[in-house]
Amino acid sequence: MNTVKKPGKIVVWPVNIDLKKTRGEGRKIPKKLAVDSPKLEEIIEASKRLGLNPTAVPHAALPKEWWNKTGYVIVERKNKGKIQILKDIANEINRFRKTGA
């Protein structure tokens, strides 16, 4: 697995926006904005809708949870910080879960 940082890109792990995870377990955004058990496919879809040009790496595991191969998504930064992008992705997932679209 290539773990070299790419300029203008960030890595989004499902745990970063997972409502059920603690900050110590890897959640990066407030619980009120987080998503209940986000799926990799939902992160990809939300990233596409936000124009972040996602690239999925489906069989990767967060080093802290090496046994849990959740995968991750690489997205474009678009002149925003990582936390703001995570909030935008979580908001988009919550929005399309509510509307069913």
PDB file of N, CA and C in Angstrom:
ATOM      1  N   MET A   1       0.844  -1.178   0.000  1.00  0.00           N
ATOM      2  CA  MET A   1       0.000   0.000   0.000  1.00  0.00           C
ATOM      3  C   MET A   1       0.886   1.237   0.000  1.00  0.00           C
ATOM      4  N   ASN A   2       0.569   2.195  -0.852  1.00  0.00           N
ATOM      5  CA  ASN A   2       1.320   3.436  -0.943  1.00  0.00           C
ATOM      6  C   ASN A   2       0.758   4.442   0.053  1.00  0.00           C
ATOM      7  N   THR A   3       1.541   4.785   1.069  1.00  0.00           N
ATOM      8  CA  THR A   3       1.068   5.704   2.100  1.00  0.00           C
ATOM      9  C   THR A   3       1.704   7.084   1.988  1.00  0.00           C
ATOM     10  N   VAL A   4       2.317   7.386   0.863  1.00  0.00           N
ATOM     11  CA  VAL A   4       2.941   8.682   0.657  1.00  0.00           C
ATOM     12  C   VAL A   4       1.852   9.746   0.515  1.00  0.00           C
ATOM     13  N   LYS A   5       2.017  10.872   1.227  1.00  0.00           N
ATOM     14  CA  LYS A   5       1.041  11.958   1.129  1.00  0.00           C
ATOM     15  C   LYS A   5       1.075  12.555  -0.267  1.00  0.00           C
ATOM     16  N   LYS A   6      -0.103  12.848  -0.780  1.00  0.00           N
ATOM     17  CA  LYS A   6      -0.210  13.440  -2.101  1.00  0.00           C
ATOM     18  C   LYS A   6      -0.675  14.884  -1.934  1.00  0.00           C
ATOM     19  N   PRO A   7       0.010  15.830  -2.553  1.00  0.00           N
ATOM     20  CA  PRO A   7      -0.391  17.228  -2.407  1.00  0.00           C
ATOM     21  C   PRO A   7      -1.794  17.468  -2.959  1.00  0.00           C
ATOM     22  N   GLY A   8      -2.585  18.218  -2.217  1.00  0.00           N
ATOM     23  CA  GLY A   8      -3.934  18.541  -2.659  1.00  0.00           C
ATOM     24  C   GLY A   8      -4.943  17.434  -2.453  1.00  0.00           C
ATOM     25  N   LYS A   9      -4.558  16.365  -1.770  1.00  0.00           N
ATOM     26  CA  LYS A   9      -5.455  15.227  -1.535  1.00  0.00           C
ATOM     27  C   LYS A   9      -5.503  14.923  -0.040  1.00  0.00           C
ATOM     28  N   ILE A  10      -6.603  14.330   0.395  1.00  0.00           N
ATOM     29  CA  ILE A  10      -6.694  13.841   1.769  1.00  0.00           C
ATOM     30  C   ILE A  10      -7.297  12.443   1.761  1.00  0.00           C
ATOM     31  N   VAL A  11      -7.026  11.703   2.818  1.00  0.00           N
ATOM     32  CA  VAL A  11      -7.547  10.349   2.974  1.00  0.00           C
ATOM     33  C   VAL A  11      -8.733  10.396   3.932  1.00  0.00           C
ATOM     34  N   VAL A  12      -9.838   9.784   3.527  1.00  0.00           N
ATOM     35  CA  VAL A  12     -11.033   9.709   4.360  1.00  0.00           C
ATOM     36  C   VAL A  12     -11.285   8.247   4.707  1.00  0.00           C
ATOM     37  N   TRP A  13     -11.141   7.923   5.987  1.00  0.00           N
ATOM     38  CA  TRP A  13     -11.468   6.590   6.490  1.00  0.00           C
ATOM     39  C   TRP A  13     -12.896   6.633   7.020  1.00  0.00           C
ATOM     40  N   PRO A  14     -13.684   5.572   6.887  1.00  0.00           N
ATOM     41  CA  PRO A  14     -15.032   5.563   7.459  1.00  0.00           C
ATOM     42  C   PRO A  14     -15.058   5.922   8.950  1.00  0.00           C
ATOM     43  N   VAL A  15     -14.060   5.491   9.697  1.00  0.00           N
ATOM     44  CA  VAL A  15     -14.000   5.776  11.130  1.00  0.00           C
ATOM     45  C   VAL A  15     -13.950   7.282  11.402  1.00  0.00           C
ATOM     46  N   ASN A  16     -13.438   8.081  10.471  1.00  0.00           N
ATOM     47  CA  ASN A  16     -13.320   9.531  10.668  1.00  0.00           C
ATOM     48  C   ASN A  16     -14.660  10.225  10.830  1.00  0.00           C
ATOM     49  N   ILE A  17     -15.733   9.621  10.292  1.00  0.00           N
ATOM     50  CA  ILE A  17     -17.058  10.249  10.372  1.00  0.00           C
ATOM     51  C   ILE A  17     -18.087   9.346  11.054  1.00  0.00           C
ATOM     52  N   ASP A  18     -17.630   8.290  11.731  1.00  0.00           N
ATOM     53  CA  ASP A  18     -18.517   7.293  12.337  1.00  0.00           C
ATOM     54  C   ASP A  18     -19.023   7.743  13.707  1.00  0.00           C
ATOM     55  N   LEU A  19     -20.326   7.865  13.840  1.00  0.00           N
ATOM     56  CA  LEU A  19     -20.983   8.281  15.076  1.00  0.00           C
ATOM     57  C   LEU A  19     -20.657   7.372  16.252  1.00  0.00           C
ATOM     58  N   LYS A  20     -20.479   6.091  15.991  1.00  0.00           N
ATOM     59  CA  LYS A  20     -20.261   5.116  17.063  1.00  0.00           C
ATOM     60  C   LYS A  20     -18.820   5.089  17.577  1.00  0.00           C
ATOM     61  N   LYS A  21     -17.925   5.777  16.912  1.00  0.00           N
ATOM     62  CA  LYS A  21     -16.515   5.785  17.317  1.00  0.00           C
ATOM     63  C   LYS A  21     -16.223   7.000  18.200  1.00  0.00           C
ATOM     64  N   THR A  22     -15.259   6.833  19.094  1.00  0.00           N
ATOM     65  CA  THR A  22     -14.816   7.947  19.926  1.00  0.00           C
ATOM     66  C   THR A  22     -13.729   8.708  19.184  1.00  0.00           C
ATOM     67  N   ARG A  23     -13.378   9.854  19.722  1.00  0.00           N
ATOM     68  CA  ARG A  23     -12.278  10.618  19.136  1.00  0.00           C
ATOM     69  C   ARG A  23     -10.992   9.795  19.208  1.00  0.00           C
ATOM     70  N   GLY A  24     -10.803   9.072  20.303  1.00  0.00           N
ATOM     71  CA  GLY A  24      -9.619   8.234  20.465  1.00  0.00           C
ATOM     72  C   GLY A  24      -9.562   7.089  19.472  1.00  0.00           C
ATOM     73  N   GLU A  25     -10.723   6.652  18.998  1.00  0.00           N
ATOM     74  CA  GLU A  25     -10.789   5.569  18.012  1.00  0.00           C
ATOM     75  C   GLU A  25     -10.671   6.085  16.580  1.00  0.00           C
ATOM     76  N   GLY A  26     -10.671   7.414  16.420  1.00  0.00           N
ATOM     77  CA  GLY A  26     -10.438   7.963  15.089  1.00  0.00           C
ATOM     78  C   GLY A  26     -11.493   8.896  14.534  1.00  0.00           C
ATOM     79  N   ARG A  27     -12.614   9.106  15.260  1.00  0.00           N
ATOM     80  CA  ARG A  27     -13.615  10.057  14.760  1.00  0.00           C
ATOM     81  C   ARG A  27     -13.015  11.456  14.795  1.00  0.00           C
ATOM     82  N   LYS A  28     -13.208  12.226  13.731  1.00  0.00           N
ATOM     83  CA  LYS A  28     -12.596  13.552  13.619  1.00  0.00           C
ATOM     84  C   LYS A  28     -13.603  14.697  13.704  1.00  0.00           C
ATOM     85  N   ILE A  29     -14.895  14.385  13.619  1.00  0.00           N
ATOM     86  CA  ILE A  29     -15.906  15.441  13.621  1.00  0.00           C
ATOM     87  C   ILE A  29     -16.834  15.264  14.819  1.00  0.00           C
ATOM     88  N   PRO A  30     -17.577  16.322  15.206  1.00  0.00           N
ATOM     89  CA  PRO A  30     -18.500  16.207  16.339  1.00  0.00           C
ATOM     90  C   PRO A  30     -19.581  15.158  16.087  1.00  0.00           C
ATOM     91  N   LYS A  31     -20.054  14.537  17.176  1.00  0.00           N
ATOM     92  CA  LYS A  31     -21.082  13.494  17.054  1.00  0.00           C
ATOM     93  C   LYS A  31     -22.341  13.998  16.362  1.00  0.00           C
ATOM     94  N   LYS A  32     -22.717  15.255  16.623  1.00  0.00           N
ATOM     95  CA  LYS A  32     -23.955  15.778  16.031  1.00  0.00           C
ATOM     96  C   LYS A  32     -23.889  15.848  14.503  1.00  0.00           C
ATOM     97  N   LEU A  33     -22.684  15.821  13.947  1.00  0.00           N
ATOM     98  CA  LEU A  33     -22.515  15.849  12.492  1.00  0.00           C
ATOM     99  C   LEU A  33     -22.148  14.487  11.910  1.00  0.00           C
ATOM    100  N   ALA A  34     -21.795  13.539  12.775  1.00  0.00           N
ATOM    101  CA  ALA A  34     -21.285  12.238  12.333  1.00  0.00           C
ATOM    102  C   ALA A  34     -22.391  11.352  11.756  1.00  0.00           C
ATOM    103  N   VAL A  35     -21.970  10.263  11.118  1.00  0.00           N
ATOM    104  CA  VAL A  35     -22.859   9.327  10.425  1.00  0.00           C
ATOM    105  C   VAL A  35     -22.847   7.989  11.155  1.00  0.00           C
ATOM    106  N   ASP A  36     -24.015   7.371  11.285  1.00  0.00           N
ATOM    107  CA  ASP A  36     -24.117   6.060  11.920  1.00  0.00           C
ATOM    108  C   ASP A  36     -23.626   4.984  10.954  1.00  0.00           C
ATOM    109  N   SER A  37     -22.514   4.354  11.281  1.00  0.00           N
ATOM    110  CA  SER A  37     -21.916   3.264  10.490  1.00  0.00           C
ATOM    111  C   SER A  37     -21.806   3.596   8.996  1.00  0.00           C
ATOM    112  N   PRO A  38     -20.986   4.578   8.631  1.00  0.00           N
ATOM    113  CA  PRO A  38     -20.857   4.930   7.211  1.00  0.00           C
ATOM    114  C   PRO A  38     -20.191   3.820   6.405  1.00  0.00           C
ATOM    115  N   LYS A  39     -20.677   3.617   5.221  1.00  0.00           N
ATOM    116  CA  LYS A  39     -20.125   2.614   4.306  1.00  0.00           C
ATOM    117  C   LYS A  39     -19.190   3.306   3.314  1.00  0.00           C
ATOM    118  N   LEU A  40     -18.213   2.573   2.835  1.00  0.00           N
ATOM    119  CA  LEU A  40     -17.260   3.114   1.869  1.00  0.00           C
ATOM    120  C   LEU A  40     -17.991   3.629   0.626  1.00  0.00           C
ATOM    121  N   GLU A  41     -18.994   2.897   0.180  1.00  0.00           N
ATOM    122  CA  GLU A  41     -19.759   3.292  -1.007  1.00  0.00           C
ATOM    123  C   GLU A  41     -20.460   4.631  -0.788  1.00  0.00           C
ATOM    124  N   GLU A  42     -20.948   4.875   0.443  1.00  0.00           N
ATOM    125  CA  GLU A  42     -21.613   6.148   0.743  1.00  0.00           C
ATOM    126  C   GLU A  42     -20.609   7.302   0.721  1.00  0.00           C
ATOM    127  N   ILE A  43     -19.421   7.054   1.227  1.00  0.00           N
ATOM    128  CA  ILE A  43     -18.383   8.091   1.208  1.00  0.00           C
ATOM    129  C   ILE A  43     -18.004   8.418  -0.233  1.00  0.00           C
ATOM    130  N   ILE A  44     -17.900   7.392  -1.066  1.00  0.00           N
ATOM    131  CA  ILE A  44     -17.587   7.597  -2.486  1.00  0.00           C
ATOM    132  C   ILE A  44     -18.690   8.416  -3.154  1.00  0.00           C
ATOM    133  N   GLU A  45     -19.944   8.032  -2.933  1.00  0.00           N
ATOM    134  CA  GLU A  45     -21.075   8.734  -3.548  1.00  0.00           C
ATOM    135  C   GLU A  45     -21.149  10.185  -3.082  1.00  0.00           C
ATOM    136  N   ALA A  46     -20.995  10.417  -1.784  1.00  0.00           N
ATOM    137  CA  ALA A  46     -21.032  11.782  -1.254  1.00  0.00           C
ATOM    138  C   ALA A  46     -19.890  12.616  -1.830  1.00  0.00           C
ATOM    139  N   SER A  47     -18.722  12.023  -1.950  1.00  0.00           N
ATOM    140  CA  SER A  47     -17.560  12.727  -2.504  1.00  0.00           C
ATOM    141  C   SER A  47     -17.788  13.094  -3.968  1.00  0.00           C
ATOM    142  N   LYS A  48     -18.421  12.191  -4.718  1.00  0.00           N
ATOM    143  CA  LYS A  48     -18.748  12.483  -6.121  1.00  0.00           C
ATOM    144  C   LYS A  48     -19.715  13.656  -6.201  1.00  0.00           C
ATOM    145  N   ARG A  49     -20.749  13.630  -5.362  1.00  0.00           N
ATOM    146  CA  ARG A  49     -21.754  14.698  -5.368  1.00  0.00           C
ATOM    147  C   ARG A  49     -21.147  16.049  -4.996  1.00  0.00           C
ATOM    148  N   LEU A  50     -20.106  16.026  -4.171  1.00  0.00           N
ATOM    149  CA  LEU A  50     -19.433  17.258  -3.753  1.00  0.00           C
ATOM    150  C   LEU A  50     -18.324  17.677  -4.721  1.00  0.00           C
ATOM    151  N   GLY A  51     -18.105  16.879  -5.770  1.00  0.00           N
ATOM    152  CA  GLY A  51     -17.095  17.201  -6.776  1.00  0.00           C
ATOM    153  C   GLY A  51     -15.663  17.029  -6.295  1.00  0.00           C
ATOM    154  N   LEU A  52     -15.432  16.056  -5.407  1.00  0.00           N
ATOM    155  CA  LEU A  52     -14.108  15.852  -4.820  1.00  0.00           C
ATOM    156  C   LEU A  52     -13.278  14.783  -5.536  1.00  0.00           C
ATOM    157  N   ASN A  53     -13.773  14.256  -6.642  1.00  0.00           N
ATOM    158  CA  ASN A  53     -13.053  13.253  -7.448  1.00  0.00           C
ATOM    159  C   ASN A  53     -12.462  12.129  -6.600  1.00  0.00           C
ATOM    160  N   PRO A  54     -13.318  11.300  -6.009  1.00  0.00           N
ATOM    161  CA  PRO A  54     -12.831  10.246  -5.105  1.00  0.00           C
ATOM    162  C   PRO A  54     -12.136   9.088  -5.813  1.00  0.00           C
ATOM    163  N   THR A  55     -11.167   8.516  -5.114  1.00  0.00           N
ATOM    164  CA  THR A  55     -10.495   7.295  -5.541  1.00  0.00           C
ATOM    165  C   THR A  55     -10.549   6.332  -4.364  1.00  0.00           C
ATOM    166  N   ALA A  56     -11.187   5.184  -4.547  1.00  0.00           N
ATOM    167  CA  ALA A  56     -11.360   4.225  -3.454  1.00  0.00           C
ATOM    168  C   ALA A  56     -10.199   3.243  -3.373  1.00  0.00           C
ATOM    169  N   VAL A  57      -9.857   2.893  -2.143  1.00  0.00           N
ATOM    170  CA  VAL A  57      -8.886   1.831  -1.852  1.00  0.00           C
ATOM    171  C   VAL A  57      -9.638   0.883  -0.912  1.00  0.00           C
ATOM    172  N   PRO A  58     -10.383  -0.090  -1.474  1.00  0.00           N
ATOM    173  CA  PRO A  58     -11.359  -0.855  -0.701  1.00  0.00           C
ATOM    174  C   PRO A  58     -10.843  -1.856   0.323  1.00  0.00           C
ATOM    175  N   HIS A  59      -9.677  -2.402   0.174  1.00  0.00           N
ATOM    176  CA  HIS A  59      -9.260  -3.478   1.082  1.00  0.00           C
ATOM    177  C   HIS A  59      -8.186  -3.050   2.065  1.00  0.00           C
ATOM    178  N   ALA A  60      -8.071  -1.758   2.298  1.00  0.00           N
ATOM    179  CA  ALA A  60      -7.065  -1.247   3.238  1.00  0.00           C
ATOM    180  C   ALA A  60      -7.629  -1.241   4.656  1.00  0.00           C
ATOM    181  N   ALA A  61      -6.730  -1.311   5.623  1.00  0.00           N
ATOM    182  CA  ALA A  61      -7.118  -1.277   7.033  1.00  0.00           C
ATOM    183  C   ALA A  61      -6.406  -0.125   7.729  1.00  0.00           C
ATOM    184  N   LEU A  62      -7.134   0.564   8.582  1.00  0.00           N
ATOM    185  CA  LEU A  62      -6.551   1.601   9.422  1.00  0.00           C
ATOM    186  C   LEU A  62      -5.491   0.939  10.287  1.00  0.00           C
ATOM    187  N   PRO A  63      -4.281   1.474  10.350  1.00  0.00           N
ATOM    188  CA  PRO A  63      -3.216   0.795  11.097  1.00  0.00           C
ATOM    189  C   PRO A  63      -3.592   0.428  12.531  1.00  0.00           C
ATOM    190  N   LYS A  64      -4.361   1.265  13.188  1.00  0.00           N
ATOM    191  CA  LYS A  64      -4.776   1.009  14.560  1.00  0.00           C
ATOM    192  C   LYS A  64      -5.777  -0.151  14.648  1.00  0.00           C
ATOM    193  N   GLU A  65      -6.474  -0.437  13.552  1.00  0.00           N
ATOM    194  CA  GLU A  65      -7.427  -1.555  13.482  1.00  0.00           C
ATOM    195  C   GLU A  65      -7.068  -2.419  12.272  1.00  0.00           C
ATOM    196  N   TRP A  66      -5.891  -2.978  12.283  1.00  0.00           N
ATOM    197  CA  TRP A  66      -5.363  -3.712  11.132  1.00  0.00           C
ATOM    198  C   TRP A  66      -6.222  -4.893  10.699  1.00  0.00           C
ATOM    199  N   TRP A  67      -7.025  -5.441  11.584  1.00  0.00           N
ATOM    200  CA  TRP A  67      -7.865  -6.600  11.267  1.00  0.00           C
ATOM    201  C   TRP A  67      -9.169  -6.203  10.568  1.00  0.00           C
ATOM    202  N   ASN A  68      -9.535  -4.924  10.625  1.00  0.00           N
ATOM    203  CA  ASN A  68     -10.806  -4.437  10.104  1.00  0.00           C
ATOM    204  C   ASN A  68     -10.562  -3.703   8.783  1.00  0.00           C
ATOM    205  N   LYS A  69     -10.719  -4.400   7.685  1.00  0.00           N
ATOM    206  CA  LYS A  69     -10.400  -3.851   6.369  1.00  0.00           C
ATOM    207  C   LYS A  69     -11.582  -3.053   5.806  1.00  0.00           C
ATOM    208  N   THR A  70     -11.723  -1.826   6.278  1.00  0.00           N
ATOM    209  CA  THR A  70     -12.830  -0.966   5.862  1.00  0.00           C
ATOM    210  C   THR A  70     -12.567  -0.247   4.551  1.00  0.00           C
ATOM    211  N   GLY A  71     -11.295  -0.091   4.206  1.00  0.00           N
ATOM    212  CA  GLY A  71     -10.937   0.684   3.032  1.00  0.00           C
ATOM    213  C   GLY A  71     -10.938   2.171   3.350  1.00  0.00           C
ATOM    214  N   TYR A  72     -10.517   2.963   2.368  1.00  0.00           N
ATOM    215  CA  TYR A  72     -10.541   4.418   2.515  1.00  0.00           C
ATOM    216  C   TYR A  72     -10.729   5.049   1.151  1.00  0.00           C
ATOM    217  N   VAL A  73     -10.980   6.354   1.157  1.00  0.00           N
ATOM    218  CA  VAL A  73     -11.198   7.096  -0.076  1.00  0.00           C
ATOM    219  C   VAL A  73     -10.232   8.281  -0.093  1.00  0.00           C
ATOM    220  N   ILE A  74      -9.571   8.480  -1.213  1.00  0.00           N
ATOM    221  CA  ILE A  74      -8.719   9.655  -1.396  1.00  0.00           C
ATOM    222  C   ILE A  74      -9.547  10.684  -2.161  1.00  0.00           C
ATOM    223  N   VAL A  75      -9.629  11.908  -1.622  1.00  0.00           N
ATOM    224  CA  VAL A  75     -10.406  12.968  -2.268  1.00  0.00           C
ATOM    225  C   VAL A  75      -9.543  14.213  -2.439  1.00  0.00           C
ATOM    226  N   GLU A  76      -9.981  15.077  -3.336  1.00  0.00           N
ATOM    227  CA  GLU A  76      -9.289  16.349  -3.548  1.00  0.00           C
ATOM    228  C   GLU A  76      -9.628  17.312  -2.420  1.00  0.00           C
ATOM    229  N   ARG A  77      -8.651  18.102  -2.023  1.00  0.00           N
ATOM    230  CA  ARG A  77      -8.817  19.042  -0.916  1.00  0.00           C
ATOM    231  C   ARG A  77      -9.708  20.234  -1.298  1.00  0.00           C
ATOM    232  N   LYS A  78      -9.635  20.721  -2.507  1.00  0.00           N
ATOM    233  CA  LYS A  78     -10.436  21.857  -2.987  1.00  0.00           C
ATOM    234  C   LYS A  78     -10.308  23.087  -2.085  1.00  0.00           C
ATOM    235  N   ASN A  79      -9.091  23.388  -1.636  1.00  0.00           N
ATOM    236  CA  ASN A  79      -8.812  24.559  -0.795  1.00  0.00           C
ATOM    237  C   ASN A  79      -9.588  24.574   0.517  1.00  0.00           C
ATOM    238  N   LYS A  80      -9.894  23.400   1.041  1.00  0.00           N
ATOM    239  CA  LYS A  80     -10.557  23.279   2.338  1.00  0.00           C
ATOM    240  C   LYS A  80      -9.691  22.407   3.231  1.00  0.00           C
ATOM    241  N   GLY A  81      -9.884  22.539   4.524  1.00  0.00           N
ATOM    242  CA  GLY A  81      -9.179  21.692   5.474  1.00  0.00           C
ATOM    243  C   GLY A  81      -9.832  20.320   5.572  1.00  0.00           C
ATOM    244  N   LYS A  82      -9.114  19.368   6.135  1.00  0.00           N
ATOM    245  CA  LYS A  82      -9.617  17.998   6.242  1.00  0.00           C
ATOM    246  C   LYS A  82     -10.909  17.935   7.054  1.00  0.00           C
ATOM    247  N   ILE A  83     -10.964  18.636   8.180  1.00  0.00           N
ATOM    248  CA  ILE A  83     -12.149  18.573   9.036  1.00  0.00           C
ATOM    249  C   ILE A  83     -13.370  19.103   8.292  1.00  0.00           C
ATOM    250  N   GLN A  84     -13.227  20.203   7.560  1.00  0.00           N
ATOM    251  CA  GLN A  84     -14.361  20.752   6.812  1.00  0.00           C
ATOM    252  C   GLN A  84     -14.824  19.777   5.731  1.00  0.00           C
ATOM    253  N   ILE A  85     -13.900  19.125   5.067  1.00  0.00           N
ATOM    254  CA  ILE A  85     -14.275  18.138   4.049  1.00  0.00           C
ATOM    255  C   ILE A  85     -14.997  16.964   4.695  1.00  0.00           C
ATOM    256  N   LEU A  86     -14.515  16.494   5.843  1.00  0.00           N
ATOM    257  CA  LEU A  86     -15.188  15.396   6.548  1.00  0.00           C
ATOM    258  C   LEU A  86     -16.606  15.801   6.944  1.00  0.00           C
ATOM    259  N   LYS A  87     -16.774  17.028   7.430  1.00  0.00           N
ATOM    260  CA  LYS A  87     -18.109  17.526   7.790  1.00  0.00           C
ATOM    261  C   LYS A  87     -19.013  17.572   6.559  1.00  0.00           C
ATOM    262  N   ASP A  88     -18.479  18.053   5.434  1.00  0.00           N
ATOM    263  CA  ASP A  88     -19.256  18.131   4.190  1.00  0.00           C
ATOM    264  C   ASP A  88     -19.689  16.740   3.727  1.00  0.00           C
ATOM    265  N   ILE A  89     -18.781  15.776   3.783  1.00  0.00           N
ATOM    266  CA  ILE A  89     -19.098  14.406   3.364  1.00  0.00           C
ATOM    267  C   ILE A  89     -20.153  13.804   4.289  1.00  0.00           C
ATOM    268  N   ALA A  90     -19.988  13.969   5.604  1.00  0.00           N
ATOM    269  CA  ALA A  90     -20.960  13.437   6.565  1.00  0.00           C
ATOM    270  C   ALA A  90     -22.325  14.079   6.358  1.00  0.00           C
ATOM    271  N   ASN A  91     -22.351  15.385   6.134  1.00  0.00           N
ATOM    272  CA  ASN A  91     -23.606  16.091   5.905  1.00  0.00           C
ATOM    273  C   ASN A  91     -24.296  15.570   4.647  1.00  0.00           C
ATOM    274  N   GLU A  92     -23.530  15.344   3.598  1.00  0.00           N
ATOM    275  CA  GLU A  92     -24.095  14.830   2.338  1.00  0.00           C
ATOM    276  C   GLU A  92     -24.652  13.418   2.528  1.00  0.00           C
ATOM    277  N   ILE A  93     -23.940  12.565   3.258  1.00  0.00           N
ATOM    278  CA  ILE A  93     -24.430  11.204   3.519  1.00  0.00           C
ATOM    279  C   ILE A  93     -25.723  11.263   4.318  1.00  0.00           C
ATOM    280  N   ASN A  94     -25.752  12.067   5.380  1.00  0.00           N
ATOM    281  CA  ASN A  94     -26.976  12.196   6.182  1.00  0.00           C
ATOM    282  C   ASN A  94     -28.126  12.730   5.344  1.00  0.00           C
ATOM    283  N   ARG A  95     -27.830  13.677   4.440  1.00  0.00           N
ATOM    284  CA  ARG A  95     -28.873  14.247   3.584  1.00  0.00           C
ATOM    285  C   ARG A  95     -29.459  13.199   2.650  1.00  0.00           C
ATOM    286  N   PHE A  96     -28.598  12.403   1.975  1.00  0.00           N
ATOM    287  CA  PHE A  96     -29.182  11.432   1.047  1.00  0.00           C
ATOM    288  C   PHE A  96     -29.744  10.215   1.751  1.00  0.00           C
ATOM    289  N   ARG A  97     -29.359   9.950   2.981  1.00  0.00           N
ATOM    290  CA  ARG A  97     -30.022   8.888   3.751  1.00  0.00           C
ATOM    291  C   ARG A  97     -31.440   9.308   4.117  1.00  0.00           C
ATOM    292  N   LYS A  98     -31.614  10.590   4.462  1.00  0.00           N
ATOM    293  CA  LYS A  98     -32.944  11.090   4.832  1.00  0.00           C
ATOM    294  C   LYS A  98     -33.884  11.130   3.638  1.00  0.00           C
ATOM    295  N   THR A  99     -33.365  11.561   2.484  1.00  0.00           N
ATOM    296  CA  THR A  99     -34.219  11.699   1.306  1.00  0.00           C
ATOM    297  C   THR A  99     -34.336  10.405   0.511  1.00  0.00           C
ATOM    298  N   GLY A 100     -33.440   9.468   0.768  1.00  0.00           N
ATOM    299  CA  GLY A 100     -33.468   8.205   0.043  1.00  0.00           C
ATOM    300  C   GLY A 100     -32.939   8.326  -1.374  1.00  0.00           C
ATOM    301  N   ALA A 101     -32.287   9.439  -1.680  1.00  0.00           N
ATOM    302  CA  ALA A 101     -31.774   9.657  -3.042  1.00  0.00           C
ATOM    303  C   ALA A 101     -30.288   9.463  -3.111  1.00  0.00           C
TER     304      ALA A 101
END
